[in-house]
Amino acid sequence: MARMSEINRLTWQEVNLEQRYVILYTRKKRGGHRTPRKVPMSAKLFEVMSRRHKNRKKAIPWVFWHRYWSRRQKKWIVGPFTDRNRIMETLCEKVVVPRLRCPHTDAA
């Protein structure tokens, strides 16, 4: 299990496909310092990460990133996700169930 903010910040440098683990960083410890934890990959996660690694853009360090128009900077930005506001809506639409909402407890 991982917090959404940990997944959003994940870079390819923190993914080890040979030994099948990822390093996730949390700020939930005293003092708010980034604390690493080594998380083994399940077979399904390894399959997904291997496919994403094979198809990645090498100049982009993040595993999960997007390109978006910044109204503030008035230009296109490439970077990691900062939130995933629509993820539950999209997942619920795919499986045809009413939209579920989870309280936001994980500040990035």
PDB file of N, CA and C in Angstrom:
ATOM      1  N   MET A   1       0.842  -1.172   0.000  1.00  0.00           N
ATOM      2  CA  MET A   1       0.000   0.000   0.000  1.00  0.00           C
ATOM      3  C   MET A   1       0.892   1.241   0.000  1.00  0.00           C
ATOM      4  N   ALA A   2       0.376   2.265  -0.644  1.00  0.00           N
ATOM      5  CA  ALA A   2       1.115   3.517  -0.728  1.00  0.00           C
ATOM      6  C   ALA A   2       0.139   4.684  -0.753  1.00  0.00           C
ATOM      7  N   ARG A   3       0.587   5.800  -0.273  1.00  0.00           N
ATOM      8  CA  ARG A   3      -0.210   7.021  -0.354  1.00  0.00           C
ATOM      9  C   ARG A   3      -0.137   7.545  -1.780  1.00  0.00           C
ATOM     10  N   MET A   4      -1.198   8.218  -2.209  1.00  0.00           N
ATOM     11  CA  MET A   4      -1.247   8.758  -3.562  1.00  0.00           C
ATOM     12  C   MET A   4      -0.076   9.713  -3.804  1.00  0.00           C
ATOM     13  N   SER A   5       0.282  10.509  -2.826  1.00  0.00           N
ATOM     14  CA  SER A   5       1.393  11.452  -3.007  1.00  0.00           C
ATOM     15  C   SER A   5       2.717  10.713  -3.217  1.00  0.00           C
ATOM     16  N   GLU A   6       2.897   9.556  -2.580  1.00  0.00           N
ATOM     17  CA  GLU A   6       4.117   8.765  -2.779  1.00  0.00           C
ATOM     18  C   GLU A   6       4.184   8.232  -4.206  1.00  0.00           C
ATOM     19  N   ILE A   7       3.056   7.783  -4.710  1.00  0.00           N
ATOM     20  CA  ILE A   7       2.994   7.264  -6.075  1.00  0.00           C
ATOM     21  C   ILE A   7       3.209   8.389  -7.083  1.00  0.00           C
ATOM     22  N   ASN A   8       2.578   9.522  -6.848  1.00  0.00           N
ATOM     23  CA  ASN A   8       2.709  10.653  -7.771  1.00  0.00           C
ATOM     24  C   ASN A   8       4.154  11.118  -7.913  1.00  0.00           C
ATOM     25  N   ARG A   9       4.939  11.052  -6.841  1.00  0.00           N
ATOM     26  CA  ARG A   9       6.335  11.524  -6.870  1.00  0.00           C
ATOM     27  C   ARG A   9       7.333  10.455  -7.311  1.00  0.00           C
ATOM     28  N   LEU A  10       6.895   9.237  -7.534  1.00  0.00           N
ATOM     29  CA  LEU A  10       7.790   8.120  -7.857  1.00  0.00           C
ATOM     30  C   LEU A  10       8.581   8.382  -9.142  1.00  0.00           C
ATOM     31  N   THR A  11       9.907   8.207  -9.070  1.00  0.00           N
ATOM     32  CA  THR A  11      10.752   8.350 -10.256  1.00  0.00           C
ATOM     33  C   THR A  11      11.331   6.991 -10.628  1.00  0.00           C
ATOM     34  N   TRP A  12      11.821   6.890 -11.860  1.00  0.00           N
ATOM     35  CA  TRP A  12      12.404   5.620 -12.320  1.00  0.00           C
ATOM     36  C   TRP A  12      13.654   5.265 -11.534  1.00  0.00           C
ATOM     37  N   GLN A  13      14.312   6.232 -10.961  1.00  0.00           N
ATOM     38  CA  GLN A  13      15.501   5.975 -10.143  1.00  0.00           C
ATOM     39  C   GLN A  13      15.136   5.176  -8.890  1.00  0.00           C
ATOM     40  N   GLU A  14      13.891   5.271  -8.463  1.00  0.00           N
ATOM     41  CA  GLU A  14      13.427   4.582  -7.255  1.00  0.00           C
ATOM     42  C   GLU A  14      12.775   3.232  -7.551  1.00  0.00           C
ATOM     43  N   VAL A  15      12.831   2.801  -8.800  1.00  0.00           N
ATOM     44  CA  VAL A  15      12.246   1.525  -9.224  1.00  0.00           C
ATOM     45  C   VAL A  15      13.375   0.575  -9.594  1.00  0.00           C
ATOM     46  N   ASN A  16      13.402  -0.607  -8.962  1.00  0.00           N
ATOM     47  CA  ASN A  16      14.408  -1.612  -9.278  1.00  0.00           C
ATOM     48  C   ASN A  16      13.695  -2.833  -9.848  1.00  0.00           C
ATOM     49  N   LEU A  17      13.719  -2.932 -11.180  1.00  0.00           N
ATOM     50  CA  LEU A  17      13.035  -4.051 -11.827  1.00  0.00           C
ATOM     51  C   LEU A  17      13.800  -5.362 -11.677  1.00  0.00           C
ATOM     52  N   GLU A  18      15.110  -5.301 -11.577  1.00  0.00           N
ATOM     53  CA  GLU A  18      15.901  -6.521 -11.426  1.00  0.00           C
ATOM     54  C   GLU A  18      15.611  -7.217 -10.097  1.00  0.00           C
ATOM     55  N   GLN A  19      15.556  -6.434  -9.025  1.00  0.00           N
ATOM     56  CA  GLN A  19      15.301  -7.014  -7.709  1.00  0.00           C
ATOM     57  C   GLN A  19      13.834  -6.882  -7.286  1.00  0.00           C
ATOM     58  N   ARG A  20      13.030  -6.304  -8.160  1.00  0.00           N
ATOM     59  CA  ARG A  20      11.580  -6.210  -7.978  1.00  0.00           C
ATOM     60  C   ARG A  20      11.156  -5.494  -6.700  1.00  0.00           C
ATOM     61  N   TYR A  21      11.597  -4.246  -6.584  1.00  0.00           N
ATOM     62  CA  TYR A  21      11.122  -3.414  -5.475  1.00  0.00           C
ATOM     63  C   TYR A  21      11.087  -1.951  -5.911  1.00  0.00           C
ATOM     64  N   VAL A  22      10.342  -1.158  -5.148  1.00  0.00           N
ATOM     65  CA  VAL A  22      10.325   0.292  -5.333  1.00  0.00           C
ATOM     66  C   VAL A  22      10.641   0.932  -3.988  1.00  0.00           C
ATOM     67  N   ILE A  23      11.223   2.109  -4.060  1.00  0.00           N
ATOM     68  CA  ILE A  23      11.483   2.891  -2.854  1.00  0.00           C
ATOM     69  C   ILE A  23      10.451   4.012  -2.817  1.00  0.00           C
ATOM     70  N   LEU A  24       9.640   4.029  -1.781  1.00  0.00           N
ATOM     71  CA  LEU A  24       8.652   5.080  -1.597  1.00  0.00           C
ATOM     72  C   LEU A  24       9.091   5.959  -0.428  1.00  0.00           C
ATOM     73  N   TYR A  25       8.802   7.225  -0.529  1.00  0.00           N
ATOM     74  CA  TYR A  25       9.173   8.181   0.510  1.00  0.00           C
ATOM     75  C   TYR A  25       7.923   8.763   1.131  1.00  0.00           C
ATOM     76  N   THR A  26       7.904   8.800   2.461  1.00  0.00           N
ATOM     77  CA  THR A  26       6.798   9.382   3.193  1.00  0.00           C
ATOM     78  C   THR A  26       7.299  10.540   4.052  1.00  0.00           C
ATOM     79  N   ARG A  27       6.417  11.450   4.366  1.00  0.00           N
ATOM     80  CA  ARG A  27       6.720  12.560   5.272  1.00  0.00           C
ATOM     81  C   ARG A  27       5.889  12.436   6.553  1.00  0.00           C
ATOM     82  N   LYS A  28       5.424  11.269   6.857  1.00  0.00           N
ATOM     83  CA  LYS A  28       4.558  11.069   8.014  1.00  0.00           C
ATOM     84  C   LYS A  28       5.337  10.848   9.313  1.00  0.00           C
ATOM     85  N   LYS A  29       6.647  10.921   9.250  1.00  0.00           N
ATOM     86  CA  LYS A  29       7.460  10.743  10.449  1.00  0.00           C
ATOM     87  C   LYS A  29       7.640  12.080  11.160  1.00  0.00           C
ATOM     88  N   ARG A  30       8.103  12.033  12.383  1.00  0.00           N
ATOM     89  CA  ARG A  30       8.351  13.236  13.160  1.00  0.00           C
ATOM     90  C   ARG A  30       9.330  14.151  12.423  1.00  0.00           C
ATOM     91  N   GLY A  31       9.020  15.416  12.366  1.00  0.00           N
ATOM     92  CA  GLY A  31       9.894  16.385  11.719  1.00  0.00           C
ATOM     93  C   GLY A  31       9.586  16.588  10.244  1.00  0.00           C
ATOM     94  N   GLY A  32       8.780  15.733   9.646  1.00  0.00           N
ATOM     95  CA  GLY A  32       8.392  15.897   8.255  1.00  0.00           C
ATOM     96  C   GLY A  32       9.469  15.580   7.238  1.00  0.00           C
ATOM     97  N   HIS A  33      10.547  14.923   7.668  1.00  0.00           N
ATOM     98  CA  HIS A  33      11.611  14.570   6.733  1.00  0.00           C
ATOM     99  C   HIS A  33      11.162  13.405   5.852  1.00  0.00           C
ATOM    100  N   ARG A  34      11.665  13.382   4.631  1.00  0.00           N
ATOM    101  CA  ARG A  34      11.343  12.267   3.724  1.00  0.00           C
ATOM    102  C   ARG A  34      12.029  11.002   4.222  1.00  0.00           C
ATOM    103  N   THR A  35      11.233   9.992   4.518  1.00  0.00           N
ATOM    104  CA  THR A  35      11.744   8.728   5.021  1.00  0.00           C
ATOM    105  C   THR A  35      11.485   7.639   3.979  1.00  0.00           C
ATOM    106  N   PRO A  36      12.552   6.955   3.506  1.00  0.00           N
ATOM    107  CA  PRO A  36      12.351   5.922   2.486  1.00  0.00           C
ATOM    108  C   PRO A  36      11.882   4.602   3.090  1.00  0.00           C
ATOM    109  N   ARG A  37      11.139   3.858   2.276  1.00  0.00           N
ATOM    110  CA  ARG A  37      10.795   2.486   2.638  1.00  0.00           C
ATOM    111  C   ARG A  37      10.815   1.649   1.367  1.00  0.00           C
ATOM    112  N   LYS A  38      11.358   0.473   1.479  1.00  0.00           N
ATOM    113  CA  LYS A  38      11.517  -0.446   0.350  1.00  0.00           C
ATOM    114  C   LYS A  38      10.285  -1.348   0.289  1.00  0.00           C
ATOM    115  N   VAL A  39       9.615  -1.332  -0.853  1.00  0.00           N
ATOM    116  CA  VAL A  39       8.376  -2.091  -1.004  1.00  0.00           C
ATOM    117  C   VAL A  39       8.544  -3.113  -2.124  1.00  0.00           C
ATOM    118  N   PRO A  40       8.395  -4.405  -1.823  1.00  0.00           N
ATOM    119  CA  PRO A  40       8.518  -5.430  -2.869  1.00  0.00           C
ATOM    120  C   PRO A  40       7.359  -5.329  -3.860  1.00  0.00           C
ATOM    121  N   MET A  41       7.642  -5.689  -5.111  1.00  0.00           N
ATOM    122  CA  MET A  41       6.621  -5.664  -6.164  1.00  0.00           C
ATOM    123  C   MET A  41       5.893  -6.998  -6.224  1.00  0.00           C
ATOM    124  N   SER A  42       4.591  -6.920  -6.374  1.00  0.00           N
ATOM    125  CA  SER A  42       3.818  -8.126  -6.679  1.00  0.00           C
ATOM    126  C   SER A  42       4.067  -8.465  -8.148  1.00  0.00           C
ATOM    127  N   ALA A  43       3.622  -9.627  -8.566  1.00  0.00           N
ATOM    128  CA  ALA A  43       3.797 -10.027  -9.962  1.00  0.00           C
ATOM    129  C   ALA A  43       3.085  -9.050 -10.900  1.00  0.00           C
ATOM    130  N   LYS A  44       1.884  -8.624 -10.532  1.00  0.00           N
ATOM    131  CA  LYS A  44       1.122  -7.693 -11.372  1.00  0.00           C
ATOM    132  C   LYS A  44       1.812  -6.336 -11.437  1.00  0.00           C
ATOM    133  N   LEU A  45       2.299  -5.835 -10.311  1.00  0.00           N
ATOM    134  CA  LEU A  45       3.008  -4.556 -10.311  1.00  0.00           C
ATOM    135  C   LEU A  45       4.269  -4.646 -11.164  1.00  0.00           C
ATOM    136  N   PHE A  46       4.984  -5.745 -11.064  1.00  0.00           N
ATOM    137  CA  PHE A  46       6.181  -5.932 -11.893  1.00  0.00           C
ATOM    138  C   PHE A  46       5.822  -5.900 -13.376  1.00  0.00           C
ATOM    139  N   GLU A  47       4.735  -6.563 -13.736  1.00  0.00           N
ATOM    140  CA  GLU A  47       4.280  -6.584 -15.131  1.00  0.00           C
ATOM    141  C   GLU A  47       3.967  -5.164 -15.622  1.00  0.00           C
ATOM    142  N   VAL A  48       3.224  -4.407 -14.830  1.00  0.00           N
ATOM    143  CA  VAL A  48       2.838  -3.041 -15.207  1.00  0.00           C
ATOM    144  C   VAL A  48       4.064  -2.136 -15.280  1.00  0.00           C
ATOM    145  N   MET A  49       4.931  -2.204 -14.272  1.00  0.00           N
ATOM    146  CA  MET A  49       6.113  -1.340 -14.239  1.00  0.00           C
ATOM    147  C   MET A  49       7.077  -1.679 -15.374  1.00  0.00           C
ATOM    148  N   SER A  50       7.206  -2.945 -15.692  1.00  0.00           N
ATOM    149  CA  SER A  50       8.079  -3.345 -16.806  1.00  0.00           C
ATOM    150  C   SER A  50       7.567  -2.772 -18.118  1.00  0.00           C
ATOM    151  N   ARG A  51       6.271  -2.850 -18.325  1.00  0.00           N
ATOM    152  CA  ARG A  51       5.680  -2.311 -19.544  1.00  0.00           C
ATOM    153  C   ARG A  51       5.853  -0.790 -19.608  1.00  0.00           C
ATOM    154  N   ARG A  52       5.606  -0.110 -18.493  1.00  0.00           N
ATOM    155  CA  ARG A  52       5.767   1.356 -18.465  1.00  0.00           C
ATOM    156  C   ARG A  52       7.228   1.736 -18.691  1.00  0.00           C
ATOM    157  N   HIS A  53       8.149   0.969 -18.112  1.00  0.00           N
ATOM    158  CA  HIS A  53       9.577   1.265 -18.269  1.00  0.00           C
ATOM    159  C   HIS A  53       9.997   1.109 -19.728  1.00  0.00           C
ATOM    160  N   LYS A  54       9.512   0.081 -20.361  1.00  0.00           N
ATOM    161  CA  LYS A  54       9.846  -0.175 -21.761  1.00  0.00           C
ATOM    162  C   LYS A  54       9.347   0.960 -22.663  1.00  0.00           C
ATOM    163  N   ASN A  55       8.181   1.525 -22.348  1.00  0.00           N
ATOM    164  CA  ASN A  55       7.555   2.553 -23.176  1.00  0.00           C
ATOM    165  C   ASN A  55       7.787   3.981 -22.671  1.00  0.00           C
ATOM    166  N   ARG A  56       8.647   4.152 -21.685  1.00  0.00           N
ATOM    167  CA  ARG A  56       8.844   5.470 -21.078  1.00  0.00           C
ATOM    168  C   ARG A  56       9.582   6.427 -22.010  1.00  0.00           C
ATOM    169  N   LYS A  57       9.472   7.721 -21.705  1.00  0.00           N
ATOM    170  CA  LYS A  57      10.276   8.743 -22.366  1.00  0.00           C
ATOM    171  C   LYS A  57      11.469   8.970 -21.449  1.00  0.00           C
ATOM    172  N   LYS A  58      12.665   8.639 -21.912  1.00  0.00           N
ATOM    173  CA  LYS A  58      13.851   8.640 -21.056  1.00  0.00           C
ATOM    174  C   LYS A  58      14.186  10.005 -20.469  1.00  0.00           C
ATOM    175  N   ALA A  59      13.759  11.084 -21.104  1.00  0.00           N
ATOM    176  CA  ALA A  59      14.054  12.424 -20.595  1.00  0.00           C
ATOM    177  C   ALA A  59      13.156  12.807 -19.417  1.00  0.00           C
ATOM    178  N   ILE A  60      12.101  12.030 -19.169  1.00  0.00           N
ATOM    179  CA  ILE A  60      11.154  12.333 -18.093  1.00  0.00           C
ATOM    180  C   ILE A  60      11.403  11.358 -16.943  1.00  0.00           C
ATOM    181  N   PRO A  61      11.774  11.881 -15.770  1.00  0.00           N
ATOM    182  CA  PRO A  61      12.174  11.004 -14.664  1.00  0.00           C
ATOM    183  C   PRO A  61      11.021  10.324 -13.925  1.00  0.00           C
ATOM    184  N   TRP A  62       9.786  10.840 -14.020  1.00  0.00           N
ATOM    185  CA  TRP A  62       8.688  10.313 -13.229  1.00  0.00           C
ATOM    186  C   TRP A  62       8.042   9.100 -13.881  1.00  0.00           C
ATOM    187  N   VAL A  63       7.580   8.194 -13.049  1.00  0.00           N
ATOM    188  CA  VAL A  63       6.866   7.017 -13.536  1.00  0.00           C
ATOM    189  C   VAL A  63       5.473   7.434 -14.003  1.00  0.00           C
ATOM    190  N   PHE A  64       4.818   8.289 -13.244  1.00  0.00           N
ATOM    191  CA  PHE A  64       3.475   8.775 -13.555  1.00  0.00           C
ATOM    192  C   PHE A  64       3.535  10.288 -13.722  1.00  0.00           C
ATOM    193  N   TRP A  65       3.347  10.746 -14.942  1.00  0.00           N
ATOM    194  CA  TRP A  65       3.472  12.167 -15.242  1.00  0.00           C
ATOM    195  C   TRP A  65       2.395  12.560 -16.247  1.00  0.00           C
ATOM    196  N   HIS A  66       2.267  13.848 -16.428  1.00  0.00           N
ATOM    197  CA  HIS A  66       1.324  14.337 -17.423  1.00  0.00           C
ATOM    198  C   HIS A  66       1.793  15.677 -17.967  1.00  0.00           C
ATOM    199  N   ARG A  67       1.220  16.044 -19.077  1.00  0.00           N
ATOM    200  CA  ARG A  67       1.490  17.333 -19.711  1.00  0.00           C
ATOM    201  C   ARG A  67       0.205  18.135 -19.589  1.00  0.00           C
ATOM    202  N   TYR A  68       0.302  19.353 -19.058  1.00  0.00           N
ATOM    203  CA  TYR A  68      -0.895  20.147 -18.837  1.00  0.00           C
ATOM    204  C   TYR A  68      -0.604  21.623 -19.082  1.00  0.00           C
ATOM    205  N   TRP A  69      -1.668  22.367 -19.348  1.00  0.00           N
ATOM    206  CA  TRP A  69      -1.557  23.802 -19.558  1.00  0.00           C
ATOM    207  C   TRP A  69      -1.657  24.494 -18.209  1.00  0.00           C
ATOM    208  N   SER A  70      -0.623  25.259 -17.867  1.00  0.00           N
ATOM    209  CA  SER A  70      -0.614  26.011 -16.613  1.00  0.00           C
ATOM    210  C   SER A  70      -1.205  27.391 -16.866  1.00  0.00           C
ATOM    211  N   ARG A  71      -2.353  27.644 -16.271  1.00  0.00           N
ATOM    212  CA  ARG A  71      -2.970  28.968 -16.424  1.00  0.00           C
ATOM    213  C   ARG A  71      -2.132  30.034 -15.742  1.00  0.00           C
ATOM    214  N   ARG A  72      -1.477  29.662 -14.664  1.00  0.00           N
ATOM    215  CA  ARG A  72      -0.646  30.622 -13.939  1.00  0.00           C
ATOM    216  C   ARG A  72       0.592  31.005 -14.748  1.00  0.00           C
ATOM    217  N   GLN A  73       1.286  30.003 -15.301  1.00  0.00           N
ATOM    218  CA  GLN A  73       2.513  30.269 -16.060  1.00  0.00           C
ATOM    219  C   GLN A  73       2.250  30.508 -17.544  1.00  0.00           C
ATOM    220  N   LYS A  74       1.020  30.228 -17.976  1.00  0.00           N
ATOM    221  CA  LYS A  74       0.615  30.417 -19.375  1.00  0.00           C
ATOM    222  C   LYS A  74       1.524  29.668 -20.353  1.00  0.00           C
ATOM    223  N   LYS A  75       1.760  28.399 -20.024  1.00  0.00           N
ATOM    224  CA  LYS A  75       2.548  27.538 -20.902  1.00  0.00           C
ATOM    225  C   LYS A  75       2.275  26.078 -20.549  1.00  0.00           C
ATOM    226  N   TRP A  76       2.705  25.193 -21.467  1.00  0.00           N
ATOM    227  CA  TRP A  76       2.576  23.758 -21.226  1.00  0.00           C
ATOM    228  C   TRP A  76       3.655  23.313 -20.254  1.00  0.00           C
ATOM    229  N   ILE A  77       3.271  22.478 -19.300  1.00  0.00           N
ATOM    230  CA  ILE A  77       4.169  21.968 -18.266  1.00  0.00           C
ATOM    231  C   ILE A  77       4.168  20.438 -18.336  1.00  0.00           C
ATOM    232  N   VAL A  78       5.331  19.836 -18.172  1.00  0.00           N
ATOM    233  CA  VAL A  78       5.443  18.381 -18.030  1.00  0.00           C
ATOM    234  C   VAL A  78       5.940  18.135 -16.621  1.00  0.00           C
ATOM    235  N   GLY A  79       5.211  17.325 -15.868  1.00  0.00           N
ATOM    236  CA  GLY A  79       5.623  17.055 -14.504  1.00  0.00           C
ATOM    237  C   GLY A  79       4.804  15.951 -13.875  1.00  0.00           C
ATOM    238  N   PRO A  80       5.125  15.630 -12.636  1.00  0.00           N
ATOM    239  CA  PRO A  80       4.373  14.576 -11.944  1.00  0.00           C
ATOM    240  C   PRO A  80       2.980  15.074 -11.584  1.00  0.00           C
ATOM    241  N   PHE A  81       2.080  14.149 -11.371  1.00  0.00           N
ATOM    242  CA  PHE A  81       0.753  14.513 -10.885  1.00  0.00           C
ATOM    243  C   PHE A  81       0.912  15.094  -9.484  1.00  0.00           C
ATOM    244  N   THR A  82       0.095  16.074  -9.159  1.00  0.00           N
ATOM    245  CA  THR A  82       0.087  16.589  -7.790  1.00  0.00           C
ATOM    246  C   THR A  82      -1.121  16.049  -7.036  1.00  0.00           C
ATOM    247  N   ASP A  83      -2.154  15.698  -7.774  1.00  0.00           N
ATOM    248  CA  ASP A  83      -3.327  15.070  -7.177  1.00  0.00           C
ATOM    249  C   ASP A  83      -3.979  14.192  -8.236  1.00  0.00           C
ATOM    250  N   ARG A  84      -4.952  13.469  -7.839  1.00  0.00           N
ATOM    251  CA  ARG A  84      -5.689  12.605  -8.773  1.00  0.00           C
ATOM    252  C   ARG A  84      -7.176  12.782  -8.509  1.00  0.00           C
ATOM    253  N   ASN A  85      -7.674  13.991  -8.721  1.00  0.00           N
ATOM    254  CA  ASN A  85      -9.065  14.299  -8.403  1.00  0.00           C
ATOM    255  C   ASN A  85     -10.069  13.448  -9.170  1.00  0.00           C
ATOM    256  N   ARG A  86      -9.735  13.038 -10.374  1.00  0.00           N
ATOM    257  CA  ARG A  86     -10.707  12.331 -11.209  1.00  0.00           C
ATOM    258  C   ARG A  86     -10.537  10.817 -11.196  1.00  0.00           C
ATOM    259  N   ILE A  87      -9.558  10.284 -10.467  1.00  0.00           N
ATOM    260  CA  ILE A  87      -9.276   8.851 -10.559  1.00  0.00           C
ATOM    261  C   ILE A  87     -10.466   7.994 -10.108  1.00  0.00           C
ATOM    262  N   MET A  88     -11.108   8.337  -8.993  1.00  0.00           N
ATOM    263  CA  MET A  88     -12.238   7.538  -8.516  1.00  0.00           C
ATOM    264  C   MET A  88     -13.419   7.654  -9.472  1.00  0.00           C
ATOM    265  N   GLU A  89     -13.648   8.848 -10.001  1.00  0.00           N
ATOM    266  CA  GLU A  89     -14.739   9.048 -10.958  1.00  0.00           C
ATOM    267  C   GLU A  89     -14.536   8.169 -12.188  1.00  0.00           C
ATOM    268  N   THR A  90     -13.314   8.154 -12.713  1.00  0.00           N
ATOM    269  CA  THR A  90     -12.998   7.357 -13.893  1.00  0.00           C
ATOM    270  C   THR A  90     -13.132   5.865 -13.601  1.00  0.00           C
ATOM    271  N   LEU A  91     -12.602   5.427 -12.463  1.00  0.00           N
ATOM    272  CA  LEU A  91     -12.697   4.003 -12.110  1.00  0.00           C
ATOM    273  C   LEU A  91     -14.151   3.570 -11.926  1.00  0.00           C
ATOM    274  N   CYS A  92     -14.938   4.401 -11.270  1.00  0.00           N
ATOM    275  CA  CYS A  92     -16.354   4.068 -11.060  1.00  0.00           C
ATOM    276  C   CYS A  92     -17.111   3.991 -12.384  1.00  0.00           C
ATOM    277  N   GLU A  93     -16.795   4.901 -13.312  1.00  0.00           N
ATOM    278  CA  GLU A  93     -17.430   4.854 -14.629  1.00  0.00           C
ATOM    279  C   GLU A  93     -17.083   3.552 -15.355  1.00  0.00           C
ATOM    280  N   LYS A  94     -15.829   3.115 -15.230  1.00  0.00           N
ATOM    281  CA  LYS A  94     -15.401   1.896 -15.924  1.00  0.00           C
ATOM    282  C   LYS A  94     -16.133   0.655 -15.427  1.00  0.00           C
ATOM    283  N   VAL A  95     -16.387   0.588 -14.127  1.00  0.00           N
ATOM    284  CA  VAL A  95     -17.047  -0.598 -13.576  1.00  0.00           C
ATOM    285  C   VAL A  95     -18.549  -0.389 -13.365  1.00  0.00           C
ATOM    286  N   VAL A  96     -19.051   0.747 -13.807  1.00  0.00           N
ATOM    287  CA  VAL A  96     -20.474   1.089 -13.772  1.00  0.00           C
ATOM    288  C   VAL A  96     -21.047   0.988 -12.357  1.00  0.00           C
ATOM    289  N   VAL A  97     -20.461   1.742 -11.441  1.00  0.00           N
ATOM    290  CA  VAL A  97     -20.986   1.869 -10.080  1.00  0.00           C
ATOM    291  C   VAL A  97     -21.106   3.357  -9.763  1.00  0.00           C
ATOM    292  N   PRO A  98     -21.932   3.709  -8.781  1.00  0.00           N
ATOM    293  CA  PRO A  98     -22.035   5.127  -8.409  1.00  0.00           C
ATOM    294  C   PRO A  98     -20.663   5.664  -7.960  1.00  0.00           C
ATOM    295  N   ARG A  99     -20.460   6.928  -8.191  1.00  0.00           N
ATOM    296  CA  ARG A  99     -19.183   7.554  -7.853  1.00  0.00           C
ATOM    297  C   ARG A  99     -18.922   7.494  -6.356  1.00  0.00           C
ATOM    298  N   LEU A 100     -17.731   7.046  -6.003  1.00  0.00           N
ATOM    299  CA  LEU A 100     -17.298   6.967  -4.613  1.00  0.00           C
ATOM    300  C   LEU A 100     -16.352   8.119  -4.334  1.00  0.00           C
ATOM    301  N   ARG A 101     -16.394   8.661  -3.145  1.00  0.00           N
ATOM    302  CA  ARG A 101     -15.464   9.732  -2.775  1.00  0.00           C
ATOM    303  C   ARG A 101     -14.784   9.326  -1.479  1.00  0.00           C
ATOM    304  N   CYS A 102     -13.489   9.560  -1.418  1.00  0.00           N
ATOM    305  CA  CYS A 102     -12.723   9.318  -0.209  1.00  0.00           C
ATOM    306  C   CYS A 102     -12.285  10.660   0.334  1.00  0.00           C
ATOM    307  N   PRO A 103     -12.289  10.831   1.653  1.00  0.00           N
ATOM    308  CA  PRO A 103     -11.812  12.096   2.209  1.00  0.00           C
ATOM    309  C   PRO A 103     -10.334  12.261   1.910  1.00  0.00           C
ATOM    310  N   HIS A 104      -9.925  13.476   1.580  1.00  0.00           N
ATOM    311  CA  HIS A 104      -8.527  13.750   1.254  1.00  0.00           C
ATOM    312  C   HIS A 104      -7.749  13.961   2.558  1.00  0.00           C
ATOM    313  N   THR A 105      -6.891  12.998   2.892  1.00  0.00           N
ATOM    314  CA  THR A 105      -6.120  13.083   4.129  1.00  0.00           C
ATOM    315  C   THR A 105      -4.632  13.140   3.885  1.00  0.00           C
ATOM    316  N   ASP A 106      -4.210  13.088   2.643  1.00  0.00           N
ATOM    317  CA  ASP A 106      -2.784  13.000   2.333  1.00  0.00           C
ATOM    318  C   ASP A 106      -2.326  14.267   1.616  1.00  0.00           C
ATOM    319  N   ALA A 107      -1.781  15.196   2.350  1.00  0.00           N
ATOM    320  CA  ALA A 107      -1.264  16.431   1.740  1.00  0.00           C
ATOM    321  C   ALA A 107       0.092  16.133   1.119  1.00  0.00           C
ATOM    322  N   ALA A 108       0.309  16.631  -0.079  1.00  0.00           N
ATOM    323  CA  ALA A 108       1.572  16.388  -0.786  1.00  0.00           C
ATOM    324  C   ALA A 108       2.702  17.175  -0.192  1.00  0.00           C
TER     325      ALA A 108
END
